[in-house]
Amino acid sequence: MLEATPCSGASEGTTQGRLGGIAGVIYPLHGVDPQAVAEIMTSVLGGRRPLRPAADADPFHVLGQLASDKPAASSSVHGSWLLVTRELAAHHGPGASWCGALAAFRRPLLLVATPQAGWEGQARAYGALACQSRVSLLGVASLGEPHAPHFDPALELGLPWLGHLPTGEGPTAQVWQEQLWLLRERLWLRWWQLCRTEQVTALSTKG
């Protein structure tokens, strides 16, 4: 279970700055609206919209461009996060799968579930796929609050739980911003843990 508690030395700007030095791949599980995930993650990442590769794109080519000095899609608007909607284990191009590419480039995976029946099983299945493929798992988040109060994902899911992506404006704008801050801190903490064990490629040491 990851805990992120507000501290006097960690401002919102500092948190967003930290996320500027990390990269990951977002994978919406079945039933999750990719467009909604992209919009919310843009807010989480401080205005940098995740790139969504073309359906027929070669995963190794896409990640190779991002790893190069001059990525094809470098922009102040877009960051180095990807939003992948194709099946992770399926082959795209000459024998390339997203699982194989993520493992080769040491890019971690963020799974996004929707609070519907059976989401826990989906998350566990893709968590097992990541482990089998040697892909580092940033964690699991849900698009909105899970609707099963009897199930505590931080304790029972068996995977790193990052919380939920806030939808709408919530009760107040302040609550919405606090939810974003908490998710950003958990993302950074989990990235830092993976970097310490050399499971991911660090893009920056700032933060």
N, C-alpha and C. Protein backbone atom coordinates (compact mmCIF):
# COMPACT_ATOMS: atom_id res chain seq x y z
N MET A 1 0.85 -1.20 0.00
CA MET A 1 0.00 0.00 0.00
C MET A 1 0.88 1.24 0.00
N LEU A 2 0.58 2.19 -0.88
CA LEU A 2 1.33 3.42 -0.94
C LEU A 2 0.61 4.50 -0.17
N GLU A 3 1.35 5.24 0.58
CA GLU A 3 0.78 6.36 1.31
C GLU A 3 1.46 7.65 0.87
N ALA A 4 0.68 8.68 0.63
CA ALA A 4 1.22 9.98 0.29
C ALA A 4 0.50 11.01 1.13
N THR A 5 1.20 11.62 2.04
CA THR A 5 0.58 12.61 2.91
C THR A 5 1.17 13.98 2.63
N PRO A 6 0.34 15.03 2.64
CA PRO A 6 0.84 16.36 2.36
C PRO A 6 1.94 16.75 3.33
N CYS A 7 2.97 17.41 2.83
CA CYS A 7 4.03 17.92 3.70
C CYS A 7 4.36 19.33 3.29
N SER A 8 4.91 20.10 4.21
CA SER A 8 5.12 21.52 3.98
C SER A 8 6.12 21.79 2.87
N GLY A 9 7.03 20.86 2.59
CA GLY A 9 8.05 21.09 1.58
C GLY A 9 7.63 20.67 0.18
N ALA A 10 6.47 20.13 0.02
CA ALA A 10 6.04 19.63 -1.29
C ALA A 10 4.88 20.46 -1.79
N SER A 11 5.15 21.40 -2.70
CA SER A 11 4.10 22.23 -3.26
C SER A 11 3.54 21.57 -4.50
N GLU A 12 2.42 22.10 -4.99
CA GLU A 12 1.82 21.58 -6.21
C GLU A 12 2.78 21.72 -7.38
N GLY A 13 3.49 22.88 -7.44
CA GLY A 13 4.44 23.08 -8.53
C GLY A 13 5.58 22.09 -8.48
N THR A 14 6.05 21.79 -7.27
CA THR A 14 7.13 20.81 -7.13
C THR A 14 6.67 19.43 -7.60
N THR A 15 5.46 19.06 -7.22
CA THR A 15 4.93 17.76 -7.62
C THR A 15 4.83 17.66 -9.14
N GLN A 16 4.31 18.69 -9.81
CA GLN A 16 4.21 18.65 -11.26
C GLN A 16 5.58 18.63 -11.90
N GLY A 17 6.55 19.35 -11.29
CA GLY A 17 7.90 19.34 -11.82
C GLY A 17 8.52 17.97 -11.77
N ARG A 18 8.27 17.24 -10.70
CA ARG A 18 8.78 15.88 -10.59
C ARG A 18 8.24 14.99 -11.70
N LEU A 19 6.95 15.12 -12.00
CA LEU A 19 6.34 14.28 -13.02
C LEU A 19 6.89 14.60 -14.40
N GLY A 20 7.47 15.79 -14.58
CA GLY A 20 8.07 16.14 -15.86
C GLY A 20 9.29 15.31 -16.18
N GLY A 21 9.87 14.65 -15.18
CA GLY A 21 11.06 13.85 -15.39
C GLY A 21 10.81 12.37 -15.43
N ILE A 22 9.56 11.96 -15.51
CA ILE A 22 9.27 10.53 -15.56
C ILE A 22 8.40 10.23 -16.78
N ALA A 23 8.36 8.98 -17.15
CA ALA A 23 7.56 8.58 -18.32
C ALA A 23 6.94 7.23 -18.05
N GLY A 24 5.77 7.02 -18.58
CA GLY A 24 5.09 5.75 -18.40
C GLY A 24 4.14 5.48 -19.55
N VAL A 25 3.52 4.33 -19.51
CA VAL A 25 2.54 3.94 -20.51
C VAL A 25 1.22 3.65 -19.80
N ILE A 26 0.18 4.32 -20.23
CA ILE A 26 -1.14 4.19 -19.62
C ILE A 26 -1.94 3.19 -20.44
N TYR A 27 -2.52 2.21 -19.76
CA TYR A 27 -3.31 1.20 -20.47
C TYR A 27 -4.70 1.10 -19.84
N PRO A 28 -5.72 1.64 -20.53
CA PRO A 28 -7.09 1.50 -20.03
C PRO A 28 -7.56 0.05 -20.18
N LEU A 29 -8.06 -0.53 -19.12
CA LEU A 29 -8.57 -1.89 -19.19
C LEU A 29 -9.91 -1.91 -19.94
N HIS A 30 -10.41 -3.09 -20.24
CA HIS A 30 -11.64 -3.22 -21.01
C HIS A 30 -12.79 -2.48 -20.32
N GLY A 31 -13.52 -1.72 -21.13
CA GLY A 31 -14.66 -0.97 -20.61
C GLY A 31 -14.33 0.44 -20.18
N VAL A 32 -13.06 0.83 -20.23
CA VAL A 32 -12.64 2.17 -19.82
C VAL A 32 -12.58 3.07 -21.06
N ASP A 33 -13.11 4.27 -20.96
CA ASP A 33 -13.11 5.22 -22.06
C ASP A 33 -11.73 5.85 -22.20
N PRO A 34 -10.98 5.55 -23.27
CA PRO A 34 -9.63 6.11 -23.42
C PRO A 34 -9.62 7.63 -23.47
N GLN A 35 -10.64 8.22 -24.09
CA GLN A 35 -10.69 9.67 -24.19
C GLN A 35 -10.80 10.31 -22.80
N ALA A 36 -11.63 9.73 -21.94
CA ALA A 36 -11.76 10.25 -20.58
C ALA A 36 -10.45 10.12 -19.83
N VAL A 37 -9.77 8.99 -20.00
CA VAL A 37 -8.48 8.78 -19.34
C VAL A 37 -7.46 9.81 -19.83
N ALA A 38 -7.43 10.05 -21.14
CA ALA A 38 -6.49 11.02 -21.71
C ALA A 38 -6.72 12.41 -21.14
N GLU A 39 -7.99 12.81 -21.02
CA GLU A 39 -8.29 14.16 -20.52
C GLU A 39 -7.87 14.31 -19.06
N ILE A 40 -8.16 13.30 -18.25
CA ILE A 40 -7.82 13.41 -16.83
C ILE A 40 -6.31 13.32 -16.63
N MET A 41 -5.64 12.42 -17.37
CA MET A 41 -4.20 12.30 -17.22
C MET A 41 -3.49 13.56 -17.71
N THR A 42 -4.10 14.30 -18.64
CA THR A 42 -3.52 15.58 -19.04
C THR A 42 -3.47 16.54 -17.86
N SER A 43 -4.52 16.53 -17.04
CA SER A 43 -4.52 17.35 -15.83
C SER A 43 -3.50 16.85 -14.82
N VAL A 44 -3.43 15.53 -14.67
CA VAL A 44 -2.47 14.95 -13.74
C VAL A 44 -1.04 15.33 -14.13
N LEU A 45 -0.75 15.32 -15.41
CA LEU A 45 0.60 15.57 -15.91
C LEU A 45 0.86 17.05 -16.17
N GLY A 46 0.03 17.90 -15.64
CA GLY A 46 0.29 19.34 -15.73
C GLY A 46 0.09 19.93 -17.11
N GLY A 47 -0.87 19.40 -17.87
CA GLY A 47 -1.19 19.96 -19.18
C GLY A 47 -0.52 19.26 -20.34
N ARG A 48 0.32 18.27 -20.07
CA ARG A 48 0.98 17.52 -21.14
C ARG A 48 0.15 16.29 -21.48
N ARG A 49 -0.44 16.31 -22.65
CA ARG A 49 -1.35 15.24 -23.04
C ARG A 49 -0.58 13.99 -23.44
N PRO A 50 -1.00 12.80 -22.95
CA PRO A 50 -0.34 11.56 -23.37
C PRO A 50 -0.50 11.34 -24.87
N LEU A 51 0.54 10.84 -25.49
CA LEU A 51 0.49 10.53 -26.91
C LEU A 51 -0.22 9.19 -27.12
N ARG A 52 -1.10 9.14 -28.10
CA ARG A 52 -1.80 7.89 -28.42
C ARG A 52 -1.30 7.38 -29.77
N PRO A 53 -0.50 6.32 -29.78
CA PRO A 53 0.04 5.82 -31.05
C PRO A 53 -1.06 5.33 -31.97
N ALA A 54 -0.76 5.35 -33.27
CA ALA A 54 -1.70 4.82 -34.25
C ALA A 54 -1.93 3.34 -34.00
N ALA A 55 -3.08 2.86 -34.41
CA ALA A 55 -3.44 1.47 -34.14
C ALA A 55 -2.45 0.49 -34.75
N ASP A 56 -1.87 0.84 -35.90
CA ASP A 56 -0.95 -0.08 -36.57
C ASP A 56 0.52 0.27 -36.30
N ALA A 57 0.78 1.13 -35.32
CA ALA A 57 2.15 1.55 -35.05
C ALA A 57 2.98 0.41 -34.47
N ASP A 58 4.25 0.37 -34.84
CA ASP A 58 5.17 -0.61 -34.29
C ASP A 58 5.62 -0.14 -32.91
N PRO A 59 5.37 -0.91 -31.86
CA PRO A 59 5.72 -0.46 -30.50
C PRO A 59 7.19 -0.11 -30.33
N PHE A 60 8.09 -0.89 -30.92
CA PHE A 60 9.52 -0.61 -30.80
C PHE A 60 9.87 0.70 -31.49
N HIS A 61 9.23 0.97 -32.61
CA HIS A 61 9.50 2.22 -33.33
C HIS A 61 9.02 3.42 -32.52
N VAL A 62 7.83 3.31 -31.93
CA VAL A 62 7.27 4.41 -31.15
C VAL A 62 8.16 4.72 -29.95
N LEU A 63 8.53 3.69 -29.19
CA LEU A 63 9.35 3.91 -28.01
C LEU A 63 10.77 4.33 -28.39
N GLY A 64 11.25 3.87 -29.52
CA GLY A 64 12.57 4.29 -29.99
C GLY A 64 12.60 5.77 -30.29
N GLN A 65 11.52 6.31 -30.89
CA GLN A 65 11.44 7.73 -31.16
C GLN A 65 11.42 8.54 -29.87
N LEU A 66 10.66 8.07 -28.88
CA LEU A 66 10.60 8.79 -27.61
C LEU A 66 11.94 8.78 -26.90
N ALA A 67 12.70 7.71 -27.08
CA ALA A 67 14.00 7.60 -26.41
C ALA A 67 15.09 8.36 -27.13
N SER A 68 14.84 8.77 -28.38
CA SER A 68 15.86 9.48 -29.15
C SER A 68 15.97 10.93 -28.70
N ASP A 69 17.02 11.59 -29.15
CA ASP A 69 17.24 12.99 -28.80
C ASP A 69 16.19 13.89 -29.43
N LYS A 70 15.65 13.49 -30.58
CA LYS A 70 14.67 14.31 -31.30
C LYS A 70 13.44 13.48 -31.63
N PRO A 71 12.61 13.19 -30.62
CA PRO A 71 11.40 12.41 -30.90
C PRO A 71 10.50 13.12 -31.90
N ALA A 72 9.83 12.33 -32.72
CA ALA A 72 9.02 12.90 -33.80
C ALA A 72 7.93 13.80 -33.26
N ALA A 73 7.44 13.51 -32.08
CA ALA A 73 6.30 14.27 -31.55
C ALA A 73 6.69 15.16 -30.38
N SER A 74 7.96 15.59 -30.32
CA SER A 74 8.37 16.43 -29.20
C SER A 74 7.60 17.74 -29.23
N SER A 75 7.09 18.13 -28.10
CA SER A 75 6.24 19.31 -28.02
C SER A 75 6.11 19.72 -26.57
N SER A 76 5.90 21.01 -26.35
CA SER A 76 5.67 21.48 -24.99
C SER A 76 4.30 21.05 -24.49
N VAL A 77 3.43 20.65 -25.42
CA VAL A 77 2.09 20.21 -25.05
C VAL A 77 2.08 18.73 -24.72
N HIS A 78 2.78 17.95 -25.53
CA HIS A 78 2.82 16.51 -25.32
C HIS A 78 4.05 16.14 -24.50
N GLY A 79 3.88 15.17 -23.63
CA GLY A 79 4.99 14.67 -22.84
C GLY A 79 5.47 13.34 -23.38
N SER A 80 6.15 12.61 -22.55
CA SER A 80 6.71 11.32 -22.97
C SER A 80 5.87 10.15 -22.45
N TRP A 81 4.62 10.43 -22.05
CA TRP A 81 3.70 9.38 -21.65
C TRP A 81 2.93 8.92 -22.87
N LEU A 82 2.63 7.63 -22.92
CA LEU A 82 1.85 7.06 -24.00
C LEU A 82 0.52 6.53 -23.46
N LEU A 83 -0.50 6.60 -24.29
CA LEU A 83 -1.79 5.99 -23.99
C LEU A 83 -2.00 4.88 -25.02
N VAL A 84 -1.87 3.65 -24.59
CA VAL A 84 -1.96 2.50 -25.49
C VAL A 84 -3.30 1.82 -25.32
N THR A 85 -3.99 1.59 -26.43
CA THR A 85 -5.30 0.94 -26.37
C THR A 85 -5.31 -0.41 -27.08
N ARG A 86 -4.22 -0.78 -27.75
CA ARG A 86 -4.14 -2.09 -28.39
C ARG A 86 -3.76 -3.14 -27.35
N GLU A 87 -4.15 -4.39 -27.59
CA GLU A 87 -3.85 -5.47 -26.67
C GLU A 87 -2.34 -5.58 -26.45
N LEU A 88 -1.92 -5.61 -25.20
CA LEU A 88 -0.50 -5.53 -24.88
C LEU A 88 0.31 -6.73 -25.39
N ALA A 89 -0.27 -7.91 -25.36
CA ALA A 89 0.46 -9.11 -25.74
C ALA A 89 0.36 -9.43 -27.22
N ALA A 90 -0.51 -8.73 -27.96
CA ALA A 90 -0.68 -9.01 -29.39
C ALA A 90 0.49 -8.46 -30.18
N HIS A 91 0.80 -9.08 -31.29
CA HIS A 91 1.90 -8.65 -32.15
C HIS A 91 1.44 -7.56 -33.10
N HIS A 92 2.23 -6.51 -33.22
CA HIS A 92 1.97 -5.41 -34.14
C HIS A 92 3.23 -5.21 -34.97
N GLY A 93 3.11 -5.37 -36.26
CA GLY A 93 4.31 -5.26 -37.08
C GLY A 93 5.05 -6.59 -37.07
N PRO A 94 6.34 -6.55 -37.34
CA PRO A 94 7.13 -7.79 -37.47
C PRO A 94 7.45 -8.43 -36.12
N GLY A 95 6.45 -9.07 -35.53
CA GLY A 95 6.71 -9.80 -34.29
C GLY A 95 6.86 -8.94 -33.06
N ALA A 96 6.38 -7.71 -33.11
CA ALA A 96 6.55 -6.79 -31.98
C ALA A 96 5.26 -6.70 -31.17
N SER A 97 5.37 -6.77 -29.86
CA SER A 97 4.23 -6.57 -28.98
C SER A 97 4.57 -5.43 -28.04
N TRP A 98 3.54 -4.82 -27.49
CA TRP A 98 3.79 -3.74 -26.53
C TRP A 98 4.49 -4.28 -25.29
N CYS A 99 4.15 -5.48 -24.88
CA CYS A 99 4.84 -6.06 -23.71
C CYS A 99 6.33 -6.17 -23.97
N GLY A 100 6.70 -6.70 -25.14
CA GLY A 100 8.11 -6.85 -25.47
C GLY A 100 8.82 -5.51 -25.54
N ALA A 101 8.16 -4.51 -26.13
CA ALA A 101 8.78 -3.20 -26.27
C ALA A 101 8.94 -2.51 -24.92
N LEU A 102 7.92 -2.60 -24.06
CA LEU A 102 8.01 -1.95 -22.75
C LEU A 102 9.13 -2.57 -21.92
N ALA A 103 9.27 -3.89 -22.00
CA ALA A 103 10.35 -4.55 -21.26
C ALA A 103 11.71 -4.13 -21.80
N ALA A 104 11.82 -4.03 -23.13
CA ALA A 104 13.10 -3.68 -23.74
C ALA A 104 13.52 -2.25 -23.40
N PHE A 105 12.56 -1.34 -23.39
CA PHE A 105 12.86 0.07 -23.13
C PHE A 105 12.70 0.44 -21.65
N ARG A 106 12.34 -0.52 -20.83
CA ARG A 106 12.19 -0.33 -19.38
C ARG A 106 11.22 0.82 -19.08
N ARG A 107 10.09 0.78 -19.77
CA ARG A 107 9.03 1.76 -19.53
C ARG A 107 7.94 1.11 -18.67
N PRO A 108 7.56 1.73 -17.57
CA PRO A 108 6.58 1.13 -16.67
C PRO A 108 5.14 1.32 -17.16
N LEU A 109 4.26 0.51 -16.61
CA LEU A 109 2.88 0.44 -17.05
C LEU A 109 1.94 0.90 -15.95
N LEU A 110 0.99 1.76 -16.33
CA LEU A 110 -0.07 2.19 -15.43
C LEU A 110 -1.38 1.64 -15.95
N LEU A 111 -2.03 0.78 -15.17
CA LEU A 111 -3.31 0.22 -15.55
C LEU A 111 -4.44 1.09 -15.00
N VAL A 112 -5.43 1.38 -15.84
CA VAL A 112 -6.58 2.17 -15.41
C VAL A 112 -7.83 1.32 -15.57
N ALA A 113 -8.52 1.08 -14.46
CA ALA A 113 -9.73 0.26 -14.45
C ALA A 113 -10.95 1.14 -14.31
N THR A 114 -12.10 0.58 -14.61
CA THR A 114 -13.35 1.27 -14.38
C THR A 114 -14.09 0.52 -13.28
N PRO A 115 -14.75 1.22 -12.37
CA PRO A 115 -15.41 0.56 -11.25
C PRO A 115 -16.66 -0.19 -11.68
N GLN A 116 -16.47 -1.29 -12.39
CA GLN A 116 -17.58 -2.13 -12.80
C GLN A 116 -17.30 -3.55 -12.33
N ALA A 117 -18.29 -4.41 -12.41
CA ALA A 117 -18.13 -5.77 -11.92
C ALA A 117 -16.97 -6.47 -12.64
N GLY A 118 -16.11 -7.10 -11.86
CA GLY A 118 -15.02 -7.87 -12.42
C GLY A 118 -13.74 -7.10 -12.68
N TRP A 119 -13.69 -5.82 -12.33
CA TRP A 119 -12.49 -5.05 -12.63
C TRP A 119 -11.28 -5.56 -11.88
N GLU A 120 -11.49 -6.11 -10.67
CA GLU A 120 -10.36 -6.62 -9.90
C GLU A 120 -9.67 -7.77 -10.62
N GLY A 121 -10.47 -8.66 -11.22
CA GLY A 121 -9.89 -9.77 -11.96
C GLY A 121 -9.10 -9.31 -13.18
N GLN A 122 -9.65 -8.31 -13.88
CA GLN A 122 -8.92 -7.74 -15.02
C GLN A 122 -7.58 -7.18 -14.59
N ALA A 123 -7.60 -6.40 -13.52
CA ALA A 123 -6.37 -5.79 -13.05
C ALA A 123 -5.34 -6.84 -12.67
N ARG A 124 -5.78 -7.87 -11.97
CA ARG A 124 -4.85 -8.94 -11.58
C ARG A 124 -4.29 -9.65 -12.81
N ALA A 125 -5.14 -9.89 -13.81
CA ALA A 125 -4.69 -10.60 -15.01
C ALA A 125 -3.62 -9.80 -15.74
N TYR A 126 -3.83 -8.51 -15.89
CA TYR A 126 -2.84 -7.69 -16.59
C TYR A 126 -1.61 -7.44 -15.72
N GLY A 127 -1.79 -7.44 -14.42
CA GLY A 127 -0.64 -7.36 -13.53
C GLY A 127 0.24 -8.59 -13.68
N ALA A 128 -0.40 -9.76 -13.79
CA ALA A 128 0.34 -11.00 -14.00
C ALA A 128 1.02 -11.01 -15.36
N LEU A 129 0.35 -10.47 -16.39
CA LEU A 129 0.96 -10.38 -17.72
C LEU A 129 2.20 -9.50 -17.68
N ALA A 130 2.12 -8.36 -16.97
CA ALA A 130 3.27 -7.48 -16.86
C ALA A 130 4.44 -8.20 -16.18
N CYS A 131 4.14 -8.91 -15.11
CA CYS A 131 5.19 -9.65 -14.38
C CYS A 131 5.82 -10.71 -15.27
N GLN A 132 4.99 -11.46 -15.97
CA GLN A 132 5.48 -12.52 -16.85
C GLN A 132 6.34 -11.95 -17.98
N SER A 133 5.98 -10.75 -18.45
CA SER A 133 6.69 -10.12 -19.57
C SER A 133 7.87 -9.26 -19.10
N ARG A 134 8.09 -9.22 -17.80
CA ARG A 134 9.17 -8.41 -17.21
C ARG A 134 8.97 -6.92 -17.47
N VAL A 135 7.72 -6.50 -17.40
CA VAL A 135 7.37 -5.09 -17.51
C VAL A 135 7.10 -4.55 -16.11
N SER A 136 7.75 -3.47 -15.76
CA SER A 136 7.53 -2.88 -14.43
C SER A 136 6.14 -2.27 -14.35
N LEU A 137 5.46 -2.52 -13.24
CA LEU A 137 4.10 -2.02 -13.05
C LEU A 137 4.14 -0.80 -12.14
N LEU A 138 3.78 0.36 -12.72
CA LEU A 138 3.66 1.56 -11.89
C LEU A 138 2.54 1.37 -10.87
N GLY A 139 1.46 0.79 -11.31
CA GLY A 139 0.36 0.56 -10.40
C GLY A 139 -0.97 0.53 -11.11
N VAL A 140 -2.02 0.54 -10.32
CA VAL A 140 -3.40 0.50 -10.82
C VAL A 140 -4.15 1.69 -10.26
N ALA A 141 -4.92 2.34 -11.12
CA ALA A 141 -5.82 3.41 -10.70
C ALA A 141 -7.19 3.14 -11.29
N SER A 142 -8.21 3.70 -10.68
CA SER A 142 -9.56 3.52 -11.23
C SER A 142 -10.09 4.85 -11.72
N LEU A 143 -10.91 4.78 -12.76
CA LEU A 143 -11.54 5.99 -13.31
C LEU A 143 -12.79 6.26 -12.49
N GLY A 144 -12.63 7.03 -11.44
CA GLY A 144 -13.71 7.25 -10.48
C GLY A 144 -13.56 6.31 -9.30
N GLU A 145 -14.35 6.54 -8.29
CA GLU A 145 -14.28 5.74 -7.07
C GLU A 145 -14.83 4.33 -7.31
N PRO A 146 -14.12 3.29 -6.83
CA PRO A 146 -14.69 1.94 -6.90
C PRO A 146 -16.01 1.87 -6.15
N HIS A 147 -16.96 1.10 -6.69
CA HIS A 147 -18.30 1.03 -6.11
C HIS A 147 -18.49 -0.18 -5.19
N ALA A 148 -17.40 -0.71 -4.68
CA ALA A 148 -17.50 -1.87 -3.80
C ALA A 148 -16.85 -1.53 -2.46
N PRO A 149 -17.62 -0.93 -1.55
CA PRO A 149 -17.05 -0.48 -0.29
C PRO A 149 -16.48 -1.60 0.55
N HIS A 150 -16.91 -2.83 0.29
CA HIS A 150 -16.40 -3.96 1.08
C HIS A 150 -15.00 -4.37 0.61
N PHE A 151 -14.59 -3.88 -0.57
CA PHE A 151 -13.31 -4.28 -1.15
C PHE A 151 -12.33 -3.12 -1.06
N ASP A 152 -11.23 -3.31 -0.35
CA ASP A 152 -10.21 -2.28 -0.22
C ASP A 152 -9.06 -2.64 -1.14
N PRO A 153 -8.96 -1.98 -2.32
CA PRO A 153 -7.94 -2.37 -3.29
C PRO A 153 -6.52 -2.19 -2.78
N ALA A 154 -6.29 -1.21 -1.92
CA ALA A 154 -4.95 -1.00 -1.40
C ALA A 154 -4.47 -2.18 -0.56
N LEU A 155 -5.41 -2.91 0.02
CA LEU A 155 -5.06 -4.05 0.87
C LEU A 155 -5.28 -5.39 0.18
N GLU A 156 -6.29 -5.47 -0.69
CA GLU A 156 -6.71 -6.77 -1.20
C GLU A 156 -6.39 -7.04 -2.66
N LEU A 157 -6.02 -6.01 -3.43
CA LEU A 157 -5.80 -6.20 -4.85
C LEU A 157 -4.53 -7.01 -5.13
N GLY A 158 -3.52 -6.84 -4.29
CA GLY A 158 -2.27 -7.54 -4.51
C GLY A 158 -1.37 -6.87 -5.52
N LEU A 159 -1.71 -5.62 -5.91
CA LEU A 159 -0.93 -4.83 -6.86
C LEU A 159 -0.76 -3.42 -6.30
N PRO A 160 0.26 -2.67 -6.74
CA PRO A 160 0.41 -1.29 -6.26
C PRO A 160 -0.83 -0.46 -6.61
N TRP A 161 -1.48 0.06 -5.60
CA TRP A 161 -2.72 0.81 -5.79
C TRP A 161 -2.43 2.30 -5.67
N LEU A 162 -2.79 3.07 -6.72
CA LEU A 162 -2.50 4.50 -6.75
C LEU A 162 -3.71 5.36 -6.43
N GLY A 163 -4.88 4.74 -6.32
CA GLY A 163 -6.08 5.52 -6.02
C GLY A 163 -6.94 5.69 -7.26
N HIS A 164 -7.71 6.76 -7.31
CA HIS A 164 -8.63 6.96 -8.43
C HIS A 164 -8.36 8.27 -9.15
N LEU A 165 -8.63 8.24 -10.45
CA LEU A 165 -8.56 9.46 -11.25
C LEU A 165 -9.83 10.24 -11.00
N PRO A 166 -9.74 11.45 -10.52
CA PRO A 166 -10.95 12.23 -10.22
C PRO A 166 -11.72 12.55 -11.49
N THR A 167 -13.02 12.39 -11.44
CA THR A 167 -13.87 12.71 -12.57
C THR A 167 -14.75 13.90 -12.21
N GLY A 168 -15.03 14.74 -13.19
CA GLY A 168 -15.82 15.93 -12.92
C GLY A 168 -15.06 16.88 -12.01
N GLU A 169 -15.78 17.76 -11.36
CA GLU A 169 -15.17 18.72 -10.45
C GLU A 169 -15.31 18.33 -9.00
N GLY A 170 -15.98 17.20 -8.73
CA GLY A 170 -16.13 16.78 -7.35
C GLY A 170 -17.00 17.74 -6.58
N PRO A 171 -17.07 17.58 -5.25
CA PRO A 171 -17.89 18.48 -4.42
C PRO A 171 -17.43 19.92 -4.55
N THR A 172 -16.12 20.14 -4.59
CA THR A 172 -15.59 21.48 -4.73
C THR A 172 -14.32 21.41 -5.58
N ALA A 173 -13.93 22.56 -6.13
CA ALA A 173 -12.70 22.60 -6.91
C ALA A 173 -11.50 22.24 -6.04
N GLN A 174 -11.54 22.61 -4.77
CA GLN A 174 -10.44 22.30 -3.87
C GLN A 174 -10.28 20.79 -3.68
N VAL A 175 -11.40 20.09 -3.52
CA VAL A 175 -11.36 18.64 -3.36
C VAL A 175 -10.77 18.00 -4.61
N TRP A 176 -11.19 18.49 -5.79
CA TRP A 176 -10.69 17.96 -7.06
C TRP A 176 -9.18 18.14 -7.15
N GLN A 177 -8.70 19.32 -6.78
CA GLN A 177 -7.26 19.58 -6.83
C GLN A 177 -6.50 18.72 -5.82
N GLU A 178 -7.10 18.48 -4.66
CA GLU A 178 -6.45 17.62 -3.67
C GLU A 178 -6.34 16.19 -4.18
N GLN A 179 -7.36 15.73 -4.90
CA GLN A 179 -7.32 14.38 -5.46
C GLN A 179 -6.22 14.27 -6.51
N LEU A 180 -6.09 15.32 -7.35
CA LEU A 180 -5.02 15.33 -8.34
C LEU A 180 -3.66 15.32 -7.66
N TRP A 181 -3.50 16.12 -6.61
CA TRP A 181 -2.21 16.20 -5.91
C TRP A 181 -1.85 14.84 -5.33
N LEU A 182 -2.82 14.17 -4.74
CA LEU A 182 -2.55 12.88 -4.12
C LEU A 182 -2.12 11.86 -5.16
N LEU A 183 -2.80 11.84 -6.31
CA LEU A 183 -2.43 10.90 -7.36
C LEU A 183 -1.04 11.21 -7.89
N ARG A 184 -0.72 12.48 -8.08
CA ARG A 184 0.62 12.84 -8.54
C ARG A 184 1.69 12.39 -7.56
N GLU A 185 1.46 12.58 -6.29
CA GLU A 185 2.44 12.16 -5.28
C GLU A 185 2.62 10.64 -5.28
N ARG A 186 1.53 9.91 -5.43
CA ARG A 186 1.64 8.45 -5.45
C ARG A 186 2.37 7.97 -6.69
N LEU A 187 2.10 8.62 -7.83
CA LEU A 187 2.83 8.27 -9.05
C LEU A 187 4.32 8.50 -8.87
N TRP A 188 4.67 9.65 -8.32
CA TRP A 188 6.08 9.96 -8.11
C TRP A 188 6.73 8.99 -7.14
N LEU A 189 6.05 8.67 -6.06
CA LEU A 189 6.60 7.75 -5.07
C LEU A 189 6.84 6.38 -5.67
N ARG A 190 5.88 5.90 -6.44
CA ARG A 190 6.03 4.59 -7.06
C ARG A 190 7.17 4.60 -8.08
N TRP A 191 7.28 5.66 -8.88
CA TRP A 191 8.39 5.79 -9.84
C TRP A 191 9.73 5.78 -9.12
N TRP A 192 9.81 6.50 -8.03
CA TRP A 192 11.04 6.57 -7.25
C TRP A 192 11.43 5.19 -6.73
N GLN A 193 10.43 4.41 -6.29
CA GLN A 193 10.70 3.06 -5.82
C GLN A 193 11.25 2.19 -6.94
N LEU A 194 10.68 2.32 -8.14
CA LEU A 194 11.15 1.53 -9.27
C LEU A 194 12.55 1.95 -9.70
N CYS A 195 12.82 3.24 -9.64
CA CYS A 195 14.16 3.72 -10.00
C CYS A 195 15.21 3.20 -9.02
N ARG A 196 14.87 3.18 -7.75
CA ARG A 196 15.83 2.71 -6.75
C ARG A 196 16.23 1.26 -6.99
N THR A 197 15.32 0.47 -7.51
CA THR A 197 15.61 -0.93 -7.79
C THR A 197 16.00 -1.14 -9.26
N GLU A 198 16.22 -0.03 -9.98
CA GLU A 198 16.69 -0.07 -11.37
C GLU A 198 15.75 -0.86 -12.27
N GLN A 199 14.46 -0.71 -12.05
CA GLN A 199 13.48 -1.40 -12.88
C GLN A 199 12.97 -0.53 -14.03
N VAL A 200 13.29 0.77 -13.99
CA VAL A 200 12.86 1.68 -15.05
C VAL A 200 14.04 2.55 -15.46
N THR A 201 13.92 3.15 -16.63
CA THR A 201 14.93 4.08 -17.11
C THR A 201 14.57 5.48 -16.67
N ALA A 202 15.41 6.09 -15.85
CA ALA A 202 15.14 7.43 -15.35
C ALA A 202 15.41 8.45 -16.45
N LEU A 203 14.47 9.37 -16.65
CA LEU A 203 14.64 10.41 -17.65
C LEU A 203 15.28 11.65 -17.07
N SER A 204 15.11 11.84 -15.80
CA SER A 204 15.60 13.06 -15.15
C SER A 204 15.79 12.79 -13.68
N THR A 205 16.69 13.53 -13.06
CA THR A 205 16.92 13.40 -11.63
C THR A 205 16.38 14.58 -10.86
N LYS A 206 15.66 15.48 -11.54
CA LYS A 206 15.15 16.63 -10.83
C LYS A 206 13.97 16.24 -9.97
N GLY A 207 13.65 17.07 -8.98
CA GLY A 207 12.49 16.79 -8.13
C GLY A 207 12.84 16.82 -6.79
